[in-house]
């Protein structure tokens, strides 16, 4: 299963909005969503939220939560990162050389 790493997933509104949008897109089916942040309590909350959306909508997807950035990034074909520096939020997106997980 291809993977998308979401760095900064402990930011509740950011992560909920992102998961809602991604789970509505057919091209995002069959993926693992690696939720990464600095502490587990909010990540576990977001994992539970994602798992509820997956079950409710009968989606082919998985979520996992980790505080280990290397684990989240390992084998990810897309990375979405949100972090805050001083009073400015920054959103960054990177893709590993292809448009979809099934592309050669």
Protein backbone atom coordinates (compact mmCIF):
# COMPACT_ATOMS: atom_id res chain seq x y z
CA UNK A 1 0.00 0.00 0.00
CA UNK A 2 1.42 3.39 -1.00
CA UNK A 3 1.86 5.96 1.74
CA UNK A 4 1.26 9.66 2.30
CA UNK A 5 3.09 11.18 5.27
CA UNK A 6 1.31 14.01 7.06
CA UNK A 7 3.78 15.90 9.24
CA UNK A 8 2.09 18.15 11.78
CA UNK A 9 -0.97 15.90 12.05
CA UNK A 10 -1.41 16.85 15.71
CA UNK A 11 -2.86 20.17 14.54
CA UNK A 12 -6.51 19.11 14.88
CA UNK A 13 -8.26 21.45 12.40
CA UNK A 14 -5.50 21.05 9.78
CA UNK A 15 -5.53 17.26 9.97
CA UNK A 16 -9.32 16.86 10.04
CA UNK A 17 -9.75 19.14 7.02
CA UNK A 18 -6.97 17.39 5.13
CA UNK A 19 -8.28 13.88 5.85
CA UNK A 20 -11.82 14.90 4.88
CA UNK A 21 -10.57 16.26 1.56
CA UNK A 22 -8.26 13.34 0.82
CA UNK A 23 -10.82 10.66 1.64
CA UNK A 24 -13.27 12.27 -0.82
CA UNK A 25 -10.83 11.85 -3.69
CA UNK A 26 -11.03 8.51 -5.50
CA UNK A 27 -7.35 8.74 -6.52
CA UNK A 28 -6.41 8.64 -2.82
CA UNK A 29 -8.01 5.21 -2.23
CA UNK A 30 -5.82 2.27 -1.23
CA UNK A 31 -3.28 4.39 0.66
CA UNK A 32 -1.75 4.41 4.09
CA UNK A 33 -1.80 7.79 5.83
CA UNK A 34 1.13 8.20 8.24
CA UNK A 35 0.18 10.82 10.81
CA UNK A 36 3.24 12.35 12.47
CA UNK A 37 3.53 14.91 15.25
CA UNK A 38 5.49 15.59 18.43
CA UNK A 39 3.10 13.92 20.92
CA UNK A 40 0.82 10.87 20.77
CA UNK A 41 -2.42 12.09 22.42
CA UNK A 42 -3.50 14.36 19.53
CA UNK A 43 -2.15 11.91 16.95
CA UNK A 44 -4.20 9.09 18.47
CA UNK A 45 -7.26 11.34 18.35
CA UNK A 46 -6.63 12.05 14.65
CA UNK A 47 -6.02 8.36 13.92
CA UNK A 48 -9.33 7.49 15.56
CA UNK A 49 -11.03 10.23 13.50
CA UNK A 50 -9.45 8.91 10.28
CA UNK A 51 -10.34 5.30 11.10
CA UNK A 52 -13.95 6.35 11.76
CA UNK A 53 -14.14 8.08 8.34
CA UNK A 54 -12.60 5.03 6.66
CA UNK A 55 -15.10 2.62 8.27
CA UNK A 56 -18.13 4.90 7.82
CA UNK A 57 -17.42 5.41 4.12
CA UNK A 58 -16.10 1.88 3.47
CA UNK A 59 -12.83 3.18 2.10
CA UNK A 60 -9.75 1.18 1.17
CA UNK A 61 -7.25 3.07 3.34
CA UNK A 62 -5.32 2.83 6.60
CA UNK A 63 -3.93 5.29 9.10
CA UNK A 64 -1.08 5.01 11.55
CA UNK A 65 0.25 7.48 14.09
CA UNK A 66 3.86 8.03 15.05
CA UNK A 67 6.15 10.58 16.67
CA UNK A 68 9.08 9.21 14.63
CA UNK A 69 9.64 11.35 11.54
CA UNK A 70 11.85 8.71 9.88
CA UNK A 71 9.12 6.11 10.30
CA UNK A 72 6.49 8.45 8.83
CA UNK A 73 8.68 9.37 5.85
CA UNK A 74 9.89 5.83 5.07
CA UNK A 75 8.47 4.76 1.69
CA UNK A 76 6.14 7.77 1.47
CA UNK A 77 5.44 8.88 -2.09
CA UNK A 78 3.92 12.17 -0.89
CA UNK A 79 4.70 14.35 2.11
CA UNK A 80 2.47 17.11 3.43
CA UNK A 81 4.00 19.14 6.25
CA UNK A 82 2.55 21.89 8.35
CA UNK A 83 4.55 23.64 10.99
CA UNK A 84 4.48 26.93 12.78
CA UNK A 85 7.42 29.27 13.16
CA UNK A 86 6.85 32.17 15.48
CA UNK A 87 3.37 33.34 14.48
CA UNK A 88 3.42 32.10 10.90
CA UNK A 89 2.00 28.78 9.72
CA UNK A 90 3.79 27.11 6.83
CA UNK A 91 2.35 24.37 4.62
CA UNK A 92 4.72 22.36 2.44
CA UNK A 93 3.97 19.63 -0.09
CA UNK A 94 6.46 17.30 -1.76
CA UNK A 95 6.02 14.36 -4.10
CA UNK A 96 8.39 11.53 -4.91
CA UNK A 97 8.64 11.71 -8.71
CA UNK A 98 5.23 10.40 -9.70
CA UNK A 99 1.58 11.45 -9.78
CA UNK A 100 -0.18 8.40 -8.33
CA UNK A 101 0.88 5.29 -6.40
CA UNK A 102 0.19 2.98 -9.37
CA UNK A 103 2.21 4.98 -11.93
CA UNK A 104 5.41 3.35 -13.16
